[in-house]
Amino acid sequence: MQGNHEMQVNTEQRDGATIVRPEGDVDLSSSSTLRTSLQEAHESTEGKLIIDLANVKYMDSSGVATLVECLQLSRRSGTTLLLCQLHERVLSVFQIARLDGVFDIVPSLDEALAH
């Protein structure tokens, strides 16, 4: 495990949605950063939380667990959670775990905003 790569997470508000954009691999060393950012974003969202994974090329089980926690939080609060722009490798992790039917996954940010 290489701990030198700090994950960056950018958050913006657009069209009534909070968009969270993690950049970098989501693994055991970075999933806590993502978790904190998602919790903060969830508190400030107006009803729709979009996680744009365009800049995440790798995600391990700790990253998936972080997103499952966010999904549970969203369901409890009535917030819509969408994942978009998953790289094939990241999408395959969701498919193997059969979570592609649990999460709302859309191909593009535009589709997520229109959802």
PDB file of N, CA and C in Angstrom:
ATOM      1  N   MET A   1       0.846  -1.178   0.000  1.00  0.00           N
ATOM      2  CA  MET A   1       0.000   0.000   0.000  1.00  0.00           C
ATOM      3  C   MET A   1       0.889   1.238   0.000  1.00  0.00           C
ATOM      4  N   GLN A   2       0.604   2.159  -0.875  1.00  0.00           N
ATOM      5  CA  GLN A   2       1.381   3.387  -0.952  1.00  0.00           C
ATOM      6  C   GLN A   2       0.590   4.507  -0.310  1.00  0.00           C
ATOM      7  N   GLY A   3       1.078   5.035   0.795  1.00  0.00           N
ATOM      8  CA  GLY A   3       0.347   6.055   1.529  1.00  0.00           C
ATOM      9  C   GLY A   3       0.677   7.477   1.123  1.00  0.00           C
ATOM     10  N   ASN A   4       1.470   7.668   0.086  1.00  0.00           N
ATOM     11  CA  ASN A   4       1.896   9.006  -0.308  1.00  0.00           C
ATOM     12  C   ASN A   4       0.868   9.761  -1.136  1.00  0.00           C
ATOM     13  N   HIS A   5      -0.122   9.066  -1.667  1.00  0.00           N
ATOM     14  CA  HIS A   5      -1.086   9.700  -2.556  1.00  0.00           C
ATOM     15  C   HIS A   5      -2.293  10.159  -1.761  1.00  0.00           C
ATOM     16  N   GLU A   6      -2.371  11.447  -1.525  1.00  0.00           N
ATOM     17  CA  GLU A   6      -3.484  12.029  -0.786  1.00  0.00           C
ATOM     18  C   GLU A   6      -4.679  12.139  -1.716  1.00  0.00           C
ATOM     19  N   MET A   7      -5.805  11.647  -1.261  1.00  0.00           N
ATOM     20  CA  MET A   7      -7.019  11.768  -2.062  1.00  0.00           C
ATOM     21  C   MET A   7      -7.547  13.190  -1.978  1.00  0.00           C
ATOM     22  N   GLN A   8      -7.976  13.703  -3.114  1.00  0.00           N
ATOM     23  CA  GLN A   8      -8.631  15.006  -3.171  1.00  0.00           C
ATOM     24  C   GLN A   8     -10.120  14.759  -3.386  1.00  0.00           C
ATOM     25  N   VAL A   9     -10.944  15.512  -2.669  1.00  0.00           N
ATOM     26  CA  VAL A   9     -12.388  15.414  -2.871  1.00  0.00           C
ATOM     27  C   VAL A   9     -12.923  16.827  -3.044  1.00  0.00           C
ATOM     28  N   ASN A  10     -13.488  17.086  -4.215  1.00  0.00           N
ATOM     29  CA  ASN A  10     -14.082  18.385  -4.505  1.00  0.00           C
ATOM     30  C   ASN A  10     -15.598  18.269  -4.415  1.00  0.00           C
ATOM     31  N   THR A  11     -16.223  19.309  -3.871  1.00  0.00           N
ATOM     32  CA  THR A  11     -17.674  19.324  -3.719  1.00  0.00           C
ATOM     33  C   THR A  11     -18.211  20.628  -4.284  1.00  0.00           C
ATOM     34  N   GLU A  12     -19.315  20.532  -5.003  1.00  0.00           N
ATOM     35  CA  GLU A  12     -19.953  21.744  -5.530  1.00  0.00           C
ATOM     36  C   GLU A  12     -21.462  21.580  -5.488  1.00  0.00           C
ATOM     37  N   GLN A  13     -22.156  22.705  -5.481  1.00  0.00           N
ATOM     38  CA  GLN A  13     -23.615  22.734  -5.558  1.00  0.00           C
ATOM     39  C   GLN A  13     -23.992  23.133  -6.986  1.00  0.00           C
ATOM     40  N   ARG A  14     -24.909  22.376  -7.596  1.00  0.00           N
ATOM     41  CA  ARG A  14     -25.367  22.739  -8.941  1.00  0.00           C
ATOM     42  C   ARG A  14     -26.774  22.201  -9.169  1.00  0.00           C
ATOM     43  N   ASP A  15     -27.658  23.045  -9.632  1.00  0.00           N
ATOM     44  CA  ASP A  15     -29.031  22.651  -9.991  1.00  0.00           C
ATOM     45  C   ASP A  15     -29.728  21.890  -8.868  1.00  0.00           C
ATOM     46  N   GLY A  16     -29.563  22.346  -7.640  1.00  0.00           N
ATOM     47  CA  GLY A  16     -30.228  21.716  -6.513  1.00  0.00           C
ATOM     48  C   GLY A  16     -29.603  20.420  -6.043  1.00  0.00           C
ATOM     49  N   ALA A  17     -28.428  20.125  -6.549  1.00  0.00           N
ATOM     50  CA  ALA A  17     -27.739  18.887  -6.163  1.00  0.00           C
ATOM     51  C   ALA A  17     -26.368  19.208  -5.581  1.00  0.00           C
ATOM     52  N   THR A  18     -25.911  18.332  -4.711  1.00  0.00           N
ATOM     53  CA  THR A  18     -24.540  18.403  -4.217  1.00  0.00           C
ATOM     54  C   THR A  18     -23.753  17.349  -4.983  1.00  0.00           C
ATOM     55  N   ILE A  19     -22.681  17.784  -5.638  1.00  0.00           N
ATOM     56  CA  ILE A  19     -21.851  16.882  -6.434  1.00  0.00           C
ATOM     57  C   ILE A  19     -20.520  16.694  -5.710  1.00  0.00           C
ATOM     58  N   VAL A  20     -20.188  15.438  -5.449  1.00  0.00           N
ATOM     59  CA  VAL A  20     -18.928  15.100  -4.785  1.00  0.00           C
ATOM     60  C   VAL A  20     -18.060  14.396  -5.810  1.00  0.00           C
ATOM     61  N   ARG A  21     -16.819  14.920  -5.982  1.00  0.00           N
ATOM     62  CA  ARG A  21     -15.896  14.372  -6.971  1.00  0.00           C
ATOM     63  C   ARG A  21     -14.600  13.923  -6.315  1.00  0.00           C
ATOM     64  N   PRO A  22     -14.524  12.664  -5.918  1.00  0.00           N
ATOM     65  CA  PRO A  22     -13.234  12.171  -5.406  1.00  0.00           C
ATOM     66  C   PRO A  22     -12.242  11.986  -6.550  1.00  0.00           C
ATOM     67  N   GLU A  23     -10.975  12.221  -6.265  1.00  0.00           N
ATOM     68  CA  GLU A  23      -9.918  12.036  -7.256  1.00  0.00           C
ATOM     69  C   GLU A  23      -8.837  11.161  -6.655  1.00  0.00           C
ATOM     70  N   GLY A  24      -8.598  10.038  -7.303  1.00  0.00           N
ATOM     71  CA  GLY A  24      -7.576   9.108  -6.832  1.00  0.00           C
ATOM     72  C   GLY A  24      -8.187   7.765  -6.491  1.00  0.00           C
ATOM     73  N   ASP A  25      -7.334   6.829  -6.120  1.00  0.00           N
ATOM     74  CA  ASP A  25      -7.803   5.502  -5.744  1.00  0.00           C
ATOM     75  C   ASP A  25      -8.516   5.562  -4.399  1.00  0.00           C
ATOM     76  N   VAL A  26      -9.609   4.805  -4.293  1.00  0.00           N
ATOM     77  CA  VAL A  26     -10.326   4.714  -3.029  1.00  0.00           C
ATOM     78  C   VAL A  26      -9.987   3.357  -2.427  1.00  0.00           C
ATOM     79  N   ASP A  27      -9.115   3.403  -1.420  1.00  0.00           N
ATOM     80  CA  ASP A  27      -8.687   2.180  -0.756  1.00  0.00           C
ATOM     81  C   ASP A  27      -8.670   2.410   0.747  1.00  0.00           C
ATOM     82  N   LEU A  28      -8.117   1.479   1.483  1.00  0.00           N
ATOM     83  CA  LEU A  28      -8.146   1.557   2.941  1.00  0.00           C
ATOM     84  C   LEU A  28      -7.530   2.850   3.470  1.00  0.00           C
ATOM     85  N   SER A  29      -6.484   3.327   2.802  1.00  0.00           N
ATOM     86  CA  SER A  29      -5.812   4.537   3.294  1.00  0.00           C
ATOM     87  C   SER A  29      -6.563   5.819   2.954  1.00  0.00           C
ATOM     88  N   SER A  30      -7.443   5.792   1.961  1.00  0.00           N
ATOM     89  CA  SER A  30      -8.132   7.019   1.558  1.00  0.00           C
ATOM     90  C   SER A  30      -9.637   7.004   1.822  1.00  0.00           C
ATOM     91  N   SER A  31     -10.195   5.867   2.180  1.00  0.00           N
ATOM     92  CA  SER A  31     -11.651   5.793   2.329  1.00  0.00           C
ATOM     93  C   SER A  31     -12.158   6.662   3.479  1.00  0.00           C
ATOM     94  N   SER A  32     -11.342   6.886   4.512  1.00  0.00           N
ATOM     95  CA  SER A  32     -11.790   7.756   5.613  1.00  0.00           C
ATOM     96  C   SER A  32     -11.919   9.210   5.142  1.00  0.00           C
ATOM     97  N   THR A  33     -11.049   9.637   4.226  1.00  0.00           N
ATOM     98  CA  THR A  33     -11.153  10.983   3.650  1.00  0.00           C
ATOM     99  C   THR A  33     -12.457  11.111   2.870  1.00  0.00           C
ATOM    100  N   LEU A  34     -12.760  10.098   2.076  1.00  0.00           N
ATOM    101  CA  LEU A  34     -14.001  10.102   1.304  1.00  0.00           C
ATOM    102  C   LEU A  34     -15.205  10.079   2.245  1.00  0.00           C
ATOM    103  N   ARG A  35     -15.146   9.254   3.279  1.00  0.00           N
ATOM    104  CA  ARG A  35     -16.251   9.156   4.236  1.00  0.00           C
ATOM    105  C   ARG A  35     -16.561  10.518   4.854  1.00  0.00           C
ATOM    106  N   THR A  36     -15.536  11.219   5.298  1.00  0.00           N
ATOM    107  CA  THR A  36     -15.708  12.538   5.912  1.00  0.00           C
ATOM    108  C   THR A  36     -16.320  13.520   4.921  1.00  0.00           C
ATOM    109  N   SER A  37     -15.819  13.522   3.692  1.00  0.00           N
ATOM    110  CA  SER A  37     -16.347  14.422   2.659  1.00  0.00           C
ATOM    111  C   SER A  37     -17.801  14.114   2.340  1.00  0.00           C
ATOM    112  N   LEU A  38     -18.154  12.839   2.287  1.00  0.00           N
ATOM    113  CA  LEU A  38     -19.534  12.459   1.993  1.00  0.00           C
ATOM    114  C   LEU A  38     -20.472  12.852   3.132  1.00  0.00           C
ATOM    115  N   GLN A  39     -20.011  12.705   4.370  1.00  0.00           N
ATOM    116  CA  GLN A  39     -20.842  13.106   5.507  1.00  0.00           C
ATOM    117  C   GLN A  39     -21.090  14.608   5.486  1.00  0.00           C
ATOM    118  N   GLU A  40     -20.046  15.382   5.203  1.00  0.00           N
ATOM    119  CA  GLU A  40     -20.189  16.839   5.126  1.00  0.00           C
ATOM    120  C   GLU A  40     -21.113  17.223   3.975  1.00  0.00           C
ATOM    121  N   ALA A  41     -20.961  16.575   2.841  1.00  0.00           N
ATOM    122  CA  ALA A  41     -21.801  16.867   1.681  1.00  0.00           C
ATOM    123  C   ALA A  41     -23.257  16.506   1.974  1.00  0.00           C
ATOM    124  N   HIS A  42     -23.454  15.401   2.653  1.00  0.00           N
ATOM    125  CA  HIS A  42     -24.808  14.963   2.975  1.00  0.00           C
ATOM    126  C   HIS A  42     -25.511  15.996   3.856  1.00  0.00           C
ATOM    127  N   GLU A  43     -24.778  16.573   4.783  1.00  0.00           N
ATOM    128  CA  GLU A  43     -25.354  17.571   5.683  1.00  0.00           C
ATOM    129  C   GLU A  43     -25.738  18.850   4.942  1.00  0.00           C
ATOM    130  N   SER A  44     -25.058  19.152   3.842  1.00  0.00           N
ATOM    131  CA  SER A  44     -25.312  20.408   3.137  1.00  0.00           C
ATOM    132  C   SER A  44     -26.164  20.237   1.881  1.00  0.00           C
ATOM    133  N   THR A  45     -26.574  19.004   1.573  1.00  0.00           N
ATOM    134  CA  THR A  45     -27.303  18.790   0.320  1.00  0.00           C
ATOM    135  C   THR A  45     -28.750  19.265   0.420  1.00  0.00           C
ATOM    136  N   GLU A  46     -29.275  19.621  -0.736  1.00  0.00           N
ATOM    137  CA  GLU A  46     -30.658  20.098  -0.825  1.00  0.00           C
ATOM    138  C   GLU A  46     -31.610  18.978  -1.237  1.00  0.00           C
ATOM    139  N   GLY A  47     -31.163  17.753  -1.253  1.00  0.00           N
ATOM    140  CA  GLY A  47     -32.062  16.654  -1.591  1.00  0.00           C
ATOM    141  C   GLY A  47     -31.494  15.636  -2.549  1.00  0.00           C
ATOM    142  N   LYS A  48     -30.452  16.019  -3.303  1.00  0.00           N
ATOM    143  CA  LYS A  48     -29.837  15.070  -4.227  1.00  0.00           C
ATOM    144  C   LYS A  48     -28.334  15.117  -4.050  1.00  0.00           C
ATOM    145  N   LEU A  49     -27.752  13.947  -3.839  1.00  0.00           N
ATOM    146  CA  LEU A  49     -26.306  13.826  -3.682  1.00  0.00           C
ATOM    147  C   LEU A  49     -25.792  12.974  -4.830  1.00  0.00           C
ATOM    148  N   ILE A  50     -24.881  13.550  -5.621  1.00  0.00           N
ATOM    149  CA  ILE A  50     -24.297  12.858  -6.768  1.00  0.00           C
ATOM    150  C   ILE A  50     -22.819  12.621  -6.485  1.00  0.00           C
ATOM    151  N   ILE A  51     -22.401  11.373  -6.611  1.00  0.00           N
ATOM    152  CA  ILE A  51     -20.985  11.060  -6.460  1.00  0.00           C
ATOM    153  C   ILE A  51     -20.446  10.754  -7.853  1.00  0.00           C
ATOM    154  N   ASP A  52     -19.615  11.671  -8.347  1.00  0.00           N
ATOM    155  CA  ASP A  52     -19.031  11.581  -9.683  1.00  0.00           C
ATOM    156  C   ASP A  52     -17.688  10.865  -9.556  1.00  0.00           C
ATOM    157  N   LEU A  53     -17.638   9.633 -10.043  1.00  0.00           N
ATOM    158  CA  LEU A  53     -16.449   8.800  -9.872  1.00  0.00           C
ATOM    159  C   LEU A  53     -15.555   8.780 -11.120  1.00  0.00           C
ATOM    160  N   ALA A  54     -15.660   9.818 -11.953  1.00  0.00           N
ATOM    161  CA  ALA A  54     -14.871   9.878 -13.191  1.00  0.00           C
ATOM    162  C   ALA A  54     -13.368   9.812 -12.933  1.00  0.00           C
ATOM    163  N   ASN A  55     -12.917  10.342 -11.795  1.00  0.00           N
ATOM    164  CA  ASN A  55     -11.481  10.392 -11.500  1.00  0.00           C
ATOM    165  C   ASN A  55     -11.051   9.330 -10.492  1.00  0.00           C
ATOM    166  N   VAL A  56     -11.845   8.265 -10.376  1.00  0.00           N
ATOM    167  CA  VAL A  56     -11.497   7.127  -9.519  1.00  0.00           C
ATOM    168  C   VAL A  56     -11.334   5.913 -10.425  1.00  0.00           C
ATOM    169  N   LYS A  57     -10.098   5.452 -10.536  1.00  0.00           N
ATOM    170  CA  LYS A  57      -9.825   4.321 -11.423  1.00  0.00           C
ATOM    171  C   LYS A  57      -9.741   2.996 -10.673  1.00  0.00           C
ATOM    172  N   TYR A  58      -9.675   3.071  -9.335  1.00  0.00           N
ATOM    173  CA  TYR A  58      -9.593   1.855  -8.523  1.00  0.00           C
ATOM    174  C   TYR A  58     -10.356   2.068  -7.228  1.00  0.00           C
ATOM    175  N   MET A  59     -11.113   1.049  -6.814  1.00  0.00           N
ATOM    176  CA  MET A  59     -11.815   1.100  -5.540  1.00  0.00           C
ATOM    177  C   MET A  59     -11.788  -0.294  -4.932  1.00  0.00           C
ATOM    178  N   ASP A  60     -11.400  -0.376  -3.661  1.00  0.00           N
ATOM    179  CA  ASP A  60     -11.418  -1.674  -2.997  1.00  0.00           C
ATOM    180  C   ASP A  60     -12.659  -1.778  -2.105  1.00  0.00           C
ATOM    181  N   SER A  61     -12.736  -2.828  -1.324  1.00  0.00           N
ATOM    182  CA  SER A  61     -13.935  -3.079  -0.518  1.00  0.00           C
ATOM    183  C   SER A  61     -14.179  -1.995   0.530  1.00  0.00           C
ATOM    184  N   SER A  62     -13.126  -1.348   1.016  1.00  0.00           N
ATOM    185  CA  SER A  62     -13.335  -0.274   1.998  1.00  0.00           C
ATOM    186  C   SER A  62     -14.012   0.926   1.348  1.00  0.00           C
ATOM    187  N   GLY A  63     -13.702   1.184   0.091  1.00  0.00           N
ATOM    188  CA  GLY A  63     -14.372   2.253  -0.645  1.00  0.00           C
ATOM    189  C   GLY A  63     -15.828   1.927  -0.895  1.00  0.00           C
ATOM    190  N   VAL A  64     -16.098   0.675  -1.265  1.00  0.00           N
ATOM    191  CA  VAL A  64     -17.479   0.239  -1.474  1.00  0.00           C
ATOM    192  C   VAL A  64     -18.252   0.355  -0.161  1.00  0.00           C
ATOM    193  N   ALA A  65     -17.637  -0.060   0.940  1.00  0.00           N
ATOM    194  CA  ALA A  65     -18.301   0.028   2.248  1.00  0.00           C
ATOM    195  C   ALA A  65     -18.625   1.479   2.599  1.00  0.00           C
ATOM    196  N   THR A  66     -17.731   2.401   2.258  1.00  0.00           N
ATOM    197  CA  THR A  66     -17.971   3.831   2.499  1.00  0.00           C
ATOM    198  C   THR A  66     -19.190   4.306   1.713  1.00  0.00           C
ATOM    199  N   LEU A  67     -19.311   3.872   0.464  1.00  0.00           N
ATOM    200  CA  LEU A  67     -20.459   4.268  -0.351  1.00  0.00           C
ATOM    201  C   LEU A  67     -21.750   3.617   0.147  1.00  0.00           C
ATOM    202  N   VAL A  68     -21.663   2.383   0.651  1.00  0.00           N
ATOM    203  CA  VAL A  68     -22.845   1.729   1.227  1.00  0.00           C
ATOM    204  C   VAL A  68     -23.311   2.500   2.461  1.00  0.00           C
ATOM    205  N   GLU A  69     -22.376   2.943   3.303  1.00  0.00           N
ATOM    206  CA  GLU A  69     -22.734   3.766   4.470  1.00  0.00           C
ATOM    207  C   GLU A  69     -23.449   5.037   4.033  1.00  0.00           C
ATOM    208  N   CYS A  70     -22.939   5.668   2.990  1.00  0.00           N
ATOM    209  CA  CYS A  70     -23.550   6.894   2.470  1.00  0.00           C
ATOM    210  C   CYS A  70     -24.958   6.608   1.939  1.00  0.00           C
ATOM    211  N   LEU A  71     -25.132   5.475   1.282  1.00  0.00           N
ATOM    212  CA  LEU A  71     -26.447   5.086   0.774  1.00  0.00           C
ATOM    213  C   LEU A  71     -27.428   4.900   1.930  1.00  0.00           C
ATOM    214  N   GLN A  72     -26.986   4.247   2.983  1.00  0.00           N
ATOM    215  CA  GLN A  72     -27.856   4.034   4.144  1.00  0.00           C
ATOM    216  C   GLN A  72     -28.253   5.366   4.776  1.00  0.00           C
ATOM    217  N   LEU A  73     -27.295   6.270   4.902  1.00  0.00           N
ATOM    218  CA  LEU A  73     -27.565   7.599   5.449  1.00  0.00           C
ATOM    219  C   LEU A  73     -28.562   8.348   4.567  1.00  0.00           C
ATOM    220  N   SER A  74     -28.380   8.244   3.262  1.00  0.00           N
ATOM    221  CA  SER A  74     -29.278   8.913   2.319  1.00  0.00           C
ATOM    222  C   SER A  74     -30.695   8.359   2.413  1.00  0.00           C
ATOM    223  N   ARG A  75     -30.801   7.055   2.523  1.00  0.00           N
ATOM    224  CA  ARG A  75     -32.131   6.446   2.612  1.00  0.00           C
ATOM    225  C   ARG A  75     -32.844   6.869   3.889  1.00  0.00           C
ATOM    226  N   ARG A  76     -32.105   6.935   5.001  1.00  0.00           N
ATOM    227  CA  ARG A  76     -32.713   7.347   6.274  1.00  0.00           C
ATOM    228  C   ARG A  76     -33.206   8.787   6.223  1.00  0.00           C
ATOM    229  N   SER A  77     -32.508   9.639   5.474  1.00  0.00           N
ATOM    230  CA  SER A  77     -32.862  11.057   5.444  1.00  0.00           C
ATOM    231  C   SER A  77     -33.730  11.440   4.245  1.00  0.00           C
ATOM    232  N   GLY A  78     -33.991  10.487   3.355  1.00  0.00           N
ATOM    233  CA  GLY A  78     -34.807  10.785   2.184  1.00  0.00           C
ATOM    234  C   GLY A  78     -34.062  11.500   1.071  1.00  0.00           C
ATOM    235  N   THR A  79     -32.737  11.456   1.106  1.00  0.00           N
ATOM    236  CA  THR A  79     -31.907  12.074   0.072  1.00  0.00           C
ATOM    237  C   THR A  79     -31.724  11.098  -1.093  1.00  0.00           C
ATOM    238  N   THR A  80     -31.781  11.602  -2.306  1.00  0.00           N
ATOM    239  CA  THR A  80     -31.502  10.785  -3.488  1.00  0.00           C
ATOM    240  C   THR A  80     -29.989  10.697  -3.656  1.00  0.00           C
ATOM    241  N   LEU A  81     -29.462   9.485  -3.795  1.00  0.00           N
ATOM    242  CA  LEU A  81     -28.032   9.281  -4.009  1.00  0.00           C
ATOM    243  C   LEU A  81     -27.839   8.645  -5.381  1.00  0.00           C
ATOM    244  N   LEU A  82     -26.979   9.268  -6.179  1.00  0.00           N
ATOM    245  CA  LEU A  82     -26.662   8.748  -7.509  1.00  0.00           C
ATOM    246  C   LEU A  82     -25.154   8.629  -7.667  1.00  0.00           C
ATOM    247  N   LEU A  83     -24.722   7.563  -8.328  1.00  0.00           N
ATOM    248  CA  LEU A  83     -23.322   7.407  -8.707  1.00  0.00           C
ATOM    249  C   LEU A  83     -23.247   7.586 -10.211  1.00  0.00           C
ATOM    250  N   CYS A  84     -22.219   8.286 -10.682  1.00  0.00           N
ATOM    251  CA  CYS A  84     -22.086   8.460 -12.132  1.00  0.00           C
ATOM    252  C   CYS A  84     -20.632   8.363 -12.570  1.00  0.00           C
ATOM    253  N   GLN A  85     -20.485   8.089 -13.856  1.00  0.00           N
ATOM    254  CA  GLN A  85     -19.195   8.053 -14.550  1.00  0.00           C
ATOM    255  C   GLN A  85     -18.214   7.052 -13.935  1.00  0.00           C
ATOM    256  N   LEU A  86     -18.707   5.848 -13.645  1.00  0.00           N
ATOM    257  CA  LEU A  86     -17.839   4.811 -13.087  1.00  0.00           C
ATOM    258  C   LEU A  86     -16.964   4.214 -14.177  1.00  0.00           C
ATOM    259  N   HIS A  87     -15.664   4.128 -13.896  1.00  0.00           N
ATOM    260  CA  HIS A  87     -14.764   3.425 -14.807  1.00  0.00           C
ATOM    261  C   HIS A  87     -15.142   1.952 -14.805  1.00  0.00           C
ATOM    262  N   GLU A  88     -14.849   1.276 -15.890  1.00  0.00           N
ATOM    263  CA  GLU A  88     -15.220  -0.127 -16.034  1.00  0.00           C
ATOM    264  C   GLU A  88     -14.713  -0.977 -14.864  1.00  0.00           C
ATOM    265  N   ARG A  89     -13.503  -0.718 -14.426  1.00  0.00           N
ATOM    266  CA  ARG A  89     -12.912  -1.492 -13.332  1.00  0.00           C
ATOM    267  C   ARG A  89     -13.676  -1.277 -12.026  1.00  0.00           C
ATOM    268  N   VAL A  90     -14.098  -0.031 -11.769  1.00  0.00           N
ATOM    269  CA  VAL A  90     -14.861   0.272 -10.551  1.00  0.00           C
ATOM    270  C   VAL A  90     -16.272  -0.306 -10.670  1.00  0.00           C
ATOM    271  N   LEU A  91     -16.889  -0.165 -11.825  1.00  0.00           N
ATOM    272  CA  LEU A  91     -18.222  -0.714 -12.039  1.00  0.00           C
ATOM    273  C   LEU A  91     -18.220  -2.223 -11.823  1.00  0.00           C
ATOM    274  N   SER A  92     -17.169  -2.895 -12.262  1.00  0.00           N
ATOM    275  CA  SER A  92     -17.113  -4.355 -12.119  1.00  0.00           C
ATOM    276  C   SER A  92     -17.110  -4.764 -10.645  1.00  0.00           C
ATOM    277  N   VAL A  93     -16.520  -3.948  -9.771  1.00  0.00           N
ATOM    278  CA  VAL A  93     -16.542  -4.239  -8.334  1.00  0.00           C
ATOM    279  C   VAL A  93     -17.989  -4.217  -7.838  1.00  0.00           C
ATOM    280  N   PHE A  94     -18.765  -3.236  -8.282  1.00  0.00           N
ATOM    281  CA  PHE A  94     -20.173  -3.145  -7.895  1.00  0.00           C
ATOM    282  C   PHE A  94     -20.975  -4.320  -8.471  1.00  0.00           C
ATOM    283  N   GLN A  95     -20.659  -4.717  -9.707  1.00  0.00           N
ATOM    284  CA  GLN A  95     -21.371  -5.828 -10.334  1.00  0.00           C
ATOM    285  C   GLN A  95     -21.062  -7.145  -9.640  1.00  0.00           C
ATOM    286  N   ILE A  96     -19.805  -7.373  -9.301  1.00  0.00           N
ATOM    287  CA  ILE A  96     -19.413  -8.605  -8.616  1.00  0.00           C
ATOM    288  C   ILE A  96     -20.107  -8.708  -7.257  1.00  0.00           C
ATOM    289  N   ALA A  97     -20.199  -7.585  -6.557  1.00  0.00           N
ATOM    290  CA  ALA A  97     -20.856  -7.559  -5.243  1.00  0.00           C
ATOM    291  C   ALA A  97     -22.381  -7.459  -5.361  1.00  0.00           C
ATOM    292  N   ARG A  98     -22.870  -7.400  -6.600  1.00  0.00           N
ATOM    293  CA  ARG A  98     -24.301  -7.258  -6.891  1.00  0.00           C
ATOM    294  C   ARG A  98     -24.898  -5.982  -6.303  1.00  0.00           C
ATOM    295  N   LEU A  99     -24.073  -4.950  -6.235  1.00  0.00           N
ATOM    296  CA  LEU A  99     -24.528  -3.656  -5.738  1.00  0.00           C
ATOM    297  C   LEU A  99     -24.966  -2.732  -6.872  1.00  0.00           C
ATOM    298  N   ASP A 100     -24.751  -3.170  -8.109  1.00  0.00           N
ATOM    299  CA  ASP A 100     -25.187  -2.351  -9.241  1.00  0.00           C
ATOM    300  C   ASP A 100     -26.711  -2.273  -9.304  1.00  0.00           C
ATOM    301  N   GLY A 101     -27.412  -3.193  -8.644  1.00  0.00           N
ATOM    302  CA  GLY A 101     -28.860  -3.143  -8.568  1.00  0.00           C
ATOM    303  C   GLY A 101     -29.362  -2.425  -7.324  1.00  0.00           C
ATOM    304  N   VAL A 102     -28.451  -2.111  -6.410  1.00  0.00           N
ATOM    305  CA  VAL A 102     -28.803  -1.439  -5.157  1.00  0.00           C
ATOM    306  C   VAL A 102     -28.623   0.069  -5.294  1.00  0.00           C
ATOM    307  N   PHE A 103     -27.524   0.474  -5.928  1.00  0.00           N
ATOM    308  CA  PHE A 103     -27.238   1.888  -6.158  1.00  0.00           C
ATOM    309  C   PHE A 103     -27.889   2.345  -7.458  1.00  0.00           C
ATOM    310  N   ASP A 104     -28.258   3.620  -7.530  1.00  0.00           N
ATOM    311  CA  ASP A 104     -28.660   4.228  -8.792  1.00  0.00           C
ATOM    312  C   ASP A 104     -27.373   4.667  -9.482  1.00  0.00           C
ATOM    313  N   ILE A 105     -27.016   3.974 -10.559  1.00  0.00           N
ATOM    314  CA  ILE A 105     -25.787   4.259 -11.299  1.00  0.00           C
ATOM    315  C   ILE A 105     -26.171   4.731 -12.691  1.00  0.00           C
ATOM    316  N   VAL A 106     -25.694   5.921 -13.054  1.00  0.00           N
ATOM    317  CA  VAL A 106     -25.977   6.480 -14.377  1.00  0.00           C
ATOM    318  C   VAL A 106     -24.655   6.794 -15.084  1.00  0.00           C
ATOM    319  N   PRO A 107     -24.685   6.796 -16.429  1.00  0.00           N
ATOM    320  CA  PRO A 107     -23.438   6.968 -17.178  1.00  0.00           C
ATOM    321  C   PRO A 107     -22.789   8.343 -17.051  1.00  0.00           C
ATOM    322  N   SER A 108     -23.603   9.419 -16.970  1.00  0.00           N
ATOM    323  CA  SER A 108     -23.012  10.754 -17.044  1.00  0.00           C
ATOM    324  C   SER A 108     -23.523  11.669 -15.940  1.00  0.00           C
ATOM    325  N   LEU A 109     -22.775  12.734 -15.703  1.00  0.00           N
ATOM    326  CA  LEU A 109     -23.186  13.733 -14.721  1.00  0.00           C
ATOM    327  C   LEU A 109     -24.474  14.414 -15.164  1.00  0.00           C
ATOM    328  N   ASP A 110     -24.596  14.705 -16.445  1.00  0.00           N
ATOM    329  CA  ASP A 110     -25.819  15.330 -16.962  1.00  0.00           C
ATOM    330  C   ASP A 110     -27.047  14.477 -16.663  1.00  0.00           C
ATOM    331  N   GLU A 111     -26.910  13.152 -16.855  1.00  0.00           N
ATOM    332  CA  GLU A 111     -28.035  12.251 -16.554  1.00  0.00           C
ATOM    333  C   GLU A 111     -28.336  12.233 -15.065  1.00  0.00           C
ATOM    334  N   ALA A 112     -27.301  12.305 -14.248  1.00  0.00           N
ATOM    335  CA  ALA A 112     -27.510  12.320 -12.795  1.00  0.00           C
ATOM    336  C   ALA A 112     -28.235  13.596 -12.378  1.00  0.00           C
ATOM    337  N   LEU A 113     -27.855  14.726 -12.965  1.00  0.00           N
ATOM    338  CA  LEU A 113     -28.514  15.989 -12.641  1.00  0.00           C
ATOM    339  C   LEU A 113     -29.974  15.991 -13.101  1.00  0.00           C
ATOM    340  N   ALA A 114     -30.255  15.332 -14.229  1.00  0.00           N
ATOM    341  CA  ALA A 114     -31.610  15.292 -14.772  1.00  0.00           C
ATOM    342  C   ALA A 114     -32.498  14.253 -14.081  1.00  0.00           C
ATOM    343  N   HIS A 115     -31.902  13.323 -13.376  1.00  0.00           N
ATOM    344  CA  HIS A 115     -32.622  12.209 -12.740  1.00  0.00           C
ATOM    345  C   HIS A 115     -33.623  12.699 -11.720  1.00  0.00           C
TER     346      HIS A 115
END
